[in-house]
Amino acid sequence: MHASNPHWAADFQALARVLSSALDGLEVAIAHVGSTAVPGLAAKPIIDLDLAYAPAVPWAALPAALTPLGYVHVGDQGLAGREVFKRPGGGPPHPVLDRIVHHLYACPADGAEYQRHVQFRDFLRHDEPTRRRYEALKRQLAAEAGQDAKRYAALKQVRARTFVAEVLEQAQRQRGGPAPRGTGQPLTP
């Protein structure tokens, strides 16, 4: 867990420029999601990006555009509506993609998972008490997990699920309308 870093926004922008160039011509928005997208929130220094693709974009166009950058589609990893892309070692070297640790997801722009990611991020950006509570929860989980990243992820999936669901419900009460019906899982694996 690292203190909030203003460089995370610049790292996102650098990644987004590379991805935008690769996705040129496709109706895809690139969103900075996850804890590094929330100024003032401590996080693992991993930039989470959602590629929010329009319904008119054929799914096959996304892997085709990302493969030349060394990305491999590895499925939804248990979260329907959120496809995962990874850059395994041995791919083509890249000065930005190799330097900035990141997770890349693709979600339908009108899908519940993408909406959850954006609503959770936006609520934390604008509600400091909730942001502080989330940071305290994450720090507690990090302390329990020690340096074991897999244990931290497992603890977060179980213990942050309720928190995320509560935040989404609160966001919807403020905006009106139902909360997205995604998995309620934390945003990062």
C-alpha atoms as a PDB file:
ATOM      1  CA  MET A   1       0.000   0.000   0.000  1.00  0.00           C
ATOM      2  CA  HIS A   2       1.416   3.382  -1.047  1.00  0.00           C
ATOM      3  CA  ALA A   3       0.319   6.902  -0.196  1.00  0.00           C
ATOM      4  CA  SER A   4      -1.631   8.635  -2.941  1.00  0.00           C
ATOM      5  CA  ASN A   5       0.703   9.736  -5.720  1.00  0.00           C
ATOM      6  CA  PRO A   6      -0.081  12.584  -8.131  1.00  0.00           C
ATOM      7  CA  HIS A   7       2.012  10.784 -10.771  1.00  0.00           C
ATOM      8  CA  TRP A   8      -0.665   8.099 -11.075  1.00  0.00           C
ATOM      9  CA  ALA A   9      -2.815  10.444 -13.176  1.00  0.00           C
ATOM     10  CA  ALA A  10       0.125  11.096 -15.518  1.00  0.00           C
ATOM     11  CA  ASP A  11       0.827   7.363 -15.714  1.00  0.00           C
ATOM     12  CA  PHE A  12      -2.789   6.797 -16.729  1.00  0.00           C
ATOM     13  CA  GLN A  13      -2.516   9.485 -19.407  1.00  0.00           C
ATOM     14  CA  ALA A  14       0.647   7.893 -20.819  1.00  0.00           C
ATOM     15  CA  LEU A  15      -1.022   4.469 -20.961  1.00  0.00           C
ATOM     16  CA  ALA A  16      -4.189   5.941 -22.444  1.00  0.00           C
ATOM     17  CA  ARG A  17      -2.225   7.608 -25.267  1.00  0.00           C
ATOM     18  CA  VAL A  18      -0.650   4.282 -26.238  1.00  0.00           C
ATOM     19  CA  LEU A  19      -3.943   2.413 -26.057  1.00  0.00           C
ATOM     20  CA  SER A  20      -5.862   5.139 -27.869  1.00  0.00           C
ATOM     21  CA  SER A  21      -3.412   4.937 -30.754  1.00  0.00           C
ATOM     22  CA  ALA A  22      -3.828   1.154 -30.947  1.00  0.00           C
ATOM     23  CA  LEU A  23      -7.630   1.432 -30.766  1.00  0.00           C
ATOM     24  CA  ASP A  24      -7.817   4.243 -33.332  1.00  0.00           C
ATOM     25  CA  GLY A  25     -11.064   4.097 -35.259  1.00  0.00           C
ATOM     26  CA  LEU A  26     -12.910   2.062 -32.621  1.00  0.00           C
ATOM     27  CA  GLU A  27     -15.577   3.638 -30.429  1.00  0.00           C
ATOM     28  CA  VAL A  28     -13.828   2.929 -27.127  1.00  0.00           C
ATOM     29  CA  ALA A  29     -13.473   5.196 -24.093  1.00  0.00           C
ATOM     30  CA  ILE A  30     -10.464   4.652 -21.845  1.00  0.00           C
ATOM     31  CA  ALA A  31     -11.218   5.208 -18.157  1.00  0.00           C
ATOM     32  CA  HIS A  32      -8.900   5.370 -15.156  1.00  0.00           C
ATOM     33  CA  VAL A  33     -10.632   3.289 -12.467  1.00  0.00           C
ATOM     34  CA  GLY A  34      -9.607   1.663  -9.212  1.00  0.00           C
ATOM     35  CA  SER A  35      -7.898   3.263  -6.245  1.00  0.00           C
ATOM     36  CA  THR A  36      -5.130   5.044  -8.164  1.00  0.00           C
ATOM     37  CA  ALA A  37      -7.888   7.030  -9.920  1.00  0.00           C
ATOM     38  CA  VAL A  38      -8.968   8.580  -6.615  1.00  0.00           C
ATOM     39  CA  PRO A  39      -6.752  11.479  -5.500  1.00  0.00           C
ATOM     40  CA  GLY A  40      -5.938  11.245  -1.805  1.00  0.00           C
ATOM     41  CA  LEU A  41      -6.525   7.482  -1.565  1.00  0.00           C
ATOM     42  CA  ALA A  42      -3.680   5.117  -0.696  1.00  0.00           C
ATOM     43  CA  ALA A  43      -3.362   2.247  -3.146  1.00  0.00           C
ATOM     44  CA  LYS A  44      -1.198  -0.431  -4.630  1.00  0.00           C
ATOM     45  CA  PRO A  45       0.735   1.423  -7.338  1.00  0.00           C
ATOM     46  CA  ILE A  46      -1.071  -0.347 -10.182  1.00  0.00           C
ATOM     47  CA  ILE A  47      -3.042   1.669 -12.725  1.00  0.00           C
ATOM     48  CA  ASP A  48      -6.426   0.085 -13.540  1.00  0.00           C
ATOM     49  CA  LEU A  49      -7.865   0.944 -16.942  1.00  0.00           C
ATOM     50  CA  ASP A  50     -11.251   0.095 -18.390  1.00  0.00           C
ATOM     51  CA  LEU A  51     -11.737   0.054 -22.137  1.00  0.00           C
ATOM     52  CA  ALA A  52     -15.443   0.891 -22.367  1.00  0.00           C
ATOM     53  CA  TYR A  53     -16.517  -0.203 -25.822  1.00  0.00           C
ATOM     54  CA  ALA A  54     -19.707   0.816 -27.590  1.00  0.00           C
ATOM     55  CA  PRO A  55     -22.258  -1.843 -28.626  1.00  0.00           C
ATOM     56  CA  ALA A  56     -21.327  -1.270 -32.283  1.00  0.00           C
ATOM     57  CA  VAL A  57     -17.721  -2.377 -31.670  1.00  0.00           C
ATOM     58  CA  PRO A  58     -17.284  -6.041 -32.593  1.00  0.00           C
ATOM     59  CA  TRP A  59     -15.597  -7.894 -29.728  1.00  0.00           C
ATOM     60  CA  ALA A  60     -12.935  -9.389 -32.016  1.00  0.00           C
ATOM     61  CA  ALA A  61     -11.688  -5.881 -32.863  1.00  0.00           C
ATOM     62  CA  LEU A  62     -10.394  -5.363 -29.314  1.00  0.00           C
ATOM     63  CA  PRO A  63      -8.024  -8.350 -29.089  1.00  0.00           C
ATOM     64  CA  ALA A  64      -6.966  -7.671 -32.687  1.00  0.00           C
ATOM     65  CA  ALA A  65      -5.994  -4.096 -31.786  1.00  0.00           C
ATOM     66  CA  LEU A  66      -4.231  -5.036 -28.539  1.00  0.00           C
ATOM     67  CA  THR A  67      -2.298  -8.117 -29.682  1.00  0.00           C
ATOM     68  CA  PRO A  68       0.369  -6.079 -31.542  1.00  0.00           C
ATOM     69  CA  LEU A  69       1.143  -4.376 -28.207  1.00  0.00           C
ATOM     70  CA  GLY A  70       1.757  -7.772 -26.619  1.00  0.00           C
ATOM     71  CA  TYR A  71      -1.579  -8.117 -24.817  1.00  0.00           C
ATOM     72  CA  VAL A  72      -3.293 -11.477 -24.495  1.00  0.00           C
ATOM     73  CA  HIS A  73      -6.988 -11.875 -23.666  1.00  0.00           C
ATOM     74  CA  VAL A  74      -7.223 -14.119 -20.588  1.00  0.00           C
ATOM     75  CA  GLY A  75     -11.003 -14.247 -20.160  1.00  0.00           C
ATOM     76  CA  ASP A  76     -13.202 -12.643 -17.539  1.00  0.00           C
ATOM     77  CA  GLN A  77     -11.417 -14.253 -14.567  1.00  0.00           C
ATOM     78  CA  GLY A  78     -14.734 -14.893 -12.865  1.00  0.00           C
ATOM     79  CA  LEU A  79     -16.342 -11.472 -13.387  1.00  0.00           C
ATOM     80  CA  ALA A  80     -18.915 -11.496 -16.166  1.00  0.00           C
ATOM     81  CA  GLY A  81     -18.930  -8.236 -18.106  1.00  0.00           C
ATOM     82  CA  ARG A  82     -15.228  -7.492 -17.515  1.00  0.00           C
ATOM     83  CA  GLU A  83     -12.678  -9.063 -19.846  1.00  0.00           C
ATOM     84  CA  VAL A  84      -9.007  -9.079 -18.813  1.00  0.00           C
ATOM     85  CA  PHE A  85      -5.957  -8.415 -20.975  1.00  0.00           C
ATOM     86  CA  LYS A  86      -2.405  -9.102 -19.787  1.00  0.00           C
ATOM     87  CA  ARG A  87       1.055  -8.561 -21.251  1.00  0.00           C
ATOM     88  CA  PRO A  88       2.982 -11.706 -20.404  1.00  0.00           C
ATOM     89  CA  GLY A  89       6.761 -11.601 -20.484  1.00  0.00           C
ATOM     90  CA  GLY A  90       8.414 -12.224 -23.812  1.00  0.00           C
ATOM     91  CA  GLY A  91       6.170  -9.854 -25.744  1.00  0.00           C
ATOM     92  CA  PRO A  92       7.387  -6.907 -27.757  1.00  0.00           C
ATOM     93  CA  PRO A  93       9.211  -4.350 -25.563  1.00  0.00           C
ATOM     94  CA  HIS A  94       7.447  -1.042 -25.066  1.00  0.00           C
ATOM     95  CA  PRO A  95       8.790   2.050 -23.265  1.00  0.00           C
ATOM     96  CA  VAL A  96       5.453   2.950 -21.613  1.00  0.00           C
ATOM     97  CA  LEU A  97       3.688  -0.390 -21.192  1.00  0.00           C
ATOM     98  CA  ASP A  98       6.789  -1.992 -19.667  1.00  0.00           C
ATOM     99  CA  ARG A  99       7.453   0.916 -17.285  1.00  0.00           C
ATOM    100  CA  ILE A 100       3.979   1.408 -15.778  1.00  0.00           C
ATOM    101  CA  VAL A 101       2.419  -1.475 -13.873  1.00  0.00           C
ATOM    102  CA  HIS A 102      -1.211  -1.693 -14.915  1.00  0.00           C
ATOM    103  CA  HIS A 103      -4.288  -3.873 -15.251  1.00  0.00           C
ATOM    104  CA  LEU A 104      -6.307  -3.635 -18.454  1.00  0.00           C
ATOM    105  CA  TYR A 105      -9.984  -4.546 -18.632  1.00  0.00           C
ATOM    106  CA  ALA A 106     -12.560  -4.296 -21.416  1.00  0.00           C
ATOM    107  CA  CYS A 107     -16.214  -3.759 -20.540  1.00  0.00           C
ATOM    108  CA  PRO A 108     -19.291  -2.891 -22.570  1.00  0.00           C
ATOM    109  CA  ALA A 109     -19.832   0.856 -22.070  1.00  0.00           C
ATOM    110  CA  ASP A 110     -23.426   0.190 -21.055  1.00  0.00           C
ATOM    111  CA  GLY A 111     -22.522  -2.796 -18.862  1.00  0.00           C
ATOM    112  CA  ALA A 112     -23.044  -3.058 -15.120  1.00  0.00           C
ATOM    113  CA  GLU A 113     -19.361  -3.719 -14.309  1.00  0.00           C
ATOM    114  CA  TYR A 114     -18.143  -0.595 -16.091  1.00  0.00           C
ATOM    115  CA  GLN A 115     -20.895   1.497 -14.491  1.00  0.00           C
ATOM    116  CA  ARG A 116     -19.945   0.102 -11.068  1.00  0.00           C
ATOM    117  CA  HIS A 117     -16.286   0.975 -11.576  1.00  0.00           C
ATOM    118  CA  VAL A 118     -17.044   4.563 -12.579  1.00  0.00           C
ATOM    119  CA  GLN A 119     -19.708   5.172  -9.932  1.00  0.00           C
ATOM    120  CA  PHE A 120     -17.527   3.788  -7.135  1.00  0.00           C
ATOM    121  CA  ARG A 121     -14.537   5.857  -8.291  1.00  0.00           C
ATOM    122  CA  ASP A 122     -16.604   9.028  -8.630  1.00  0.00           C
ATOM    123  CA  PHE A 123     -18.227   8.619  -5.233  1.00  0.00           C
ATOM    124  CA  LEU A 124     -14.858   8.154  -3.520  1.00  0.00           C
ATOM    125  CA  ARG A 125     -13.466  11.197  -5.347  1.00  0.00           C
ATOM    126  CA  HIS A 126     -16.215  13.401  -3.929  1.00  0.00           C
ATOM    127  CA  ASP A 127     -16.886  11.914  -0.480  1.00  0.00           C
ATOM    128  CA  GLU A 128     -13.886  12.224   1.816  1.00  0.00           C
ATOM    129  CA  PRO A 129     -15.345  10.353   4.843  1.00  0.00           C
ATOM    130  CA  THR A 130     -16.155   7.345   2.645  1.00  0.00           C
ATOM    131  CA  ARG A 131     -12.738   7.556   0.995  1.00  0.00           C
ATOM    132  CA  ARG A 132     -11.073   7.527   4.435  1.00  0.00           C
ATOM    133  CA  ARG A 133     -13.150   4.530   5.558  1.00  0.00           C
ATOM    134  CA  TYR A 134     -12.196   2.645   2.397  1.00  0.00           C
ATOM    135  CA  GLU A 135      -8.524   3.463   2.894  1.00  0.00           C
ATOM    136  CA  ALA A 136      -8.696   2.279   6.524  1.00  0.00           C
ATOM    137  CA  LEU A 137     -10.276  -0.998   5.371  1.00  0.00           C
ATOM    138  CA  LYS A 138      -7.582  -1.481   2.713  1.00  0.00           C
ATOM    139  CA  ARG A 139      -4.786  -0.730   5.208  1.00  0.00           C
ATOM    140  CA  GLN A 140      -6.266  -3.218   7.674  1.00  0.00           C
ATOM    141  CA  LEU A 141      -6.397  -5.893   4.974  1.00  0.00           C
ATOM    142  CA  ALA A 142      -2.832  -5.089   3.878  1.00  0.00           C
ATOM    143  CA  ALA A 143      -1.610  -5.448   7.468  1.00  0.00           C
ATOM    144  CA  GLU A 144      -3.351  -8.810   7.792  1.00  0.00           C
ATOM    145  CA  ALA A 145      -1.933 -10.028   4.485  1.00  0.00           C
ATOM    146  CA  GLY A 146       1.624  -8.883   5.174  1.00  0.00           C
ATOM    147  CA  GLN A 147       3.540  -8.856   1.881  1.00  0.00           C
ATOM    148  CA  ASP A 148       1.359 -11.581   0.345  1.00  0.00           C
ATOM    149  CA  ALA A 149      -0.401  -9.928  -2.626  1.00  0.00           C
ATOM    150  CA  LYS A 150      -2.590 -12.974  -3.310  1.00  0.00           C
ATOM    151  CA  ARG A 151      -3.764 -13.080   0.303  1.00  0.00           C
ATOM    152  CA  TYR A 152      -4.508  -9.342   0.163  1.00  0.00           C
ATOM    153  CA  ALA A 153      -6.581  -9.828  -3.007  1.00  0.00           C
ATOM    154  CA  ALA A 154      -8.487 -12.727  -1.443  1.00  0.00           C
ATOM    155  CA  LEU A 155      -9.195 -10.772   1.741  1.00  0.00           C
ATOM    156  CA  LYS A 156     -10.272  -7.751  -0.275  1.00  0.00           C
ATOM    157  CA  GLN A 157     -12.683  -9.787  -2.402  1.00  0.00           C
ATOM    158  CA  VAL A 158     -14.439 -11.074   0.698  1.00  0.00           C
ATOM    159  CA  ARG A 159     -14.298  -8.099   3.056  1.00  0.00           C
ATOM    160  CA  ALA A 160     -14.590  -5.157   0.644  1.00  0.00           C
ATOM    161  CA  ARG A 161     -17.601  -6.582  -1.202  1.00  0.00           C
ATOM    162  CA  THR A 162     -20.095  -5.288   1.370  1.00  0.00           C
ATOM    163  CA  PHE A 163     -18.389  -1.892   1.529  1.00  0.00           C
ATOM    164  CA  VAL A 164     -18.487  -1.509  -2.267  1.00  0.00           C
ATOM    165  CA  ALA A 165     -22.169  -2.503  -2.393  1.00  0.00           C
ATOM    166  CA  GLU A 166     -23.028   0.006   0.354  1.00  0.00           C
ATOM    167  CA  VAL A 167     -21.179   2.808  -1.440  1.00  0.00           C
ATOM    168  CA  LEU A 168     -22.952   2.041  -4.717  1.00  0.00           C
ATOM    169  CA  GLU A 169     -26.332   2.055  -2.976  1.00  0.00           C
ATOM    170  CA  GLN A 170     -25.516   5.381  -1.334  1.00  0.00           C
ATOM    171  CA  ALA A 171     -24.400   6.817  -4.690  1.00  0.00           C
ATOM    172  CA  GLN A 172     -27.659   5.726  -6.280  1.00  0.00           C
ATOM    173  CA  ARG A 173     -29.757   7.212  -3.493  1.00  0.00           C
ATOM    174  CA  GLN A 174     -28.021  10.526  -4.114  1.00  0.00           C
ATOM    175  CA  ARG A 175     -28.471  10.290  -7.901  1.00  0.00           C
ATOM    176  CA  GLY A 176     -31.792   8.458  -7.978  1.00  0.00           C
ATOM    177  CA  GLY A 177     -32.272   5.109  -9.689  1.00  0.00           C
ATOM    178  CA  PRO A 178     -31.030   1.584  -8.995  1.00  0.00           C
ATOM    179  CA  ALA A 179     -27.412   0.698  -8.313  1.00  0.00           C
ATOM    180  CA  PRO A 180     -25.568  -1.270 -11.015  1.00  0.00           C
ATOM    181  CA  ARG A 181     -26.082  -4.975 -10.455  1.00  0.00           C
ATOM    182  CA  GLY A 182     -22.529  -6.158 -11.006  1.00  0.00           C
ATOM    183  CA  THR A 183     -20.758  -8.646  -8.825  1.00  0.00           C
ATOM    184  CA  GLY A 184     -20.041  -6.281  -5.955  1.00  0.00           C
ATOM    185  CA  GLN A 185     -16.420  -7.470  -6.151  1.00  0.00           C
ATOM    186  CA  PRO A 186     -13.608  -5.002  -5.530  1.00  0.00           C
ATOM    187  CA  LEU A 187     -12.311  -3.391  -8.687  1.00  0.00           C
ATOM    188  CA  THR A 188      -8.846  -4.899  -8.743  1.00  0.00           C
ATOM    189  CA  PRO A 189      -7.937  -8.578  -8.695  1.00  0.00           C
END
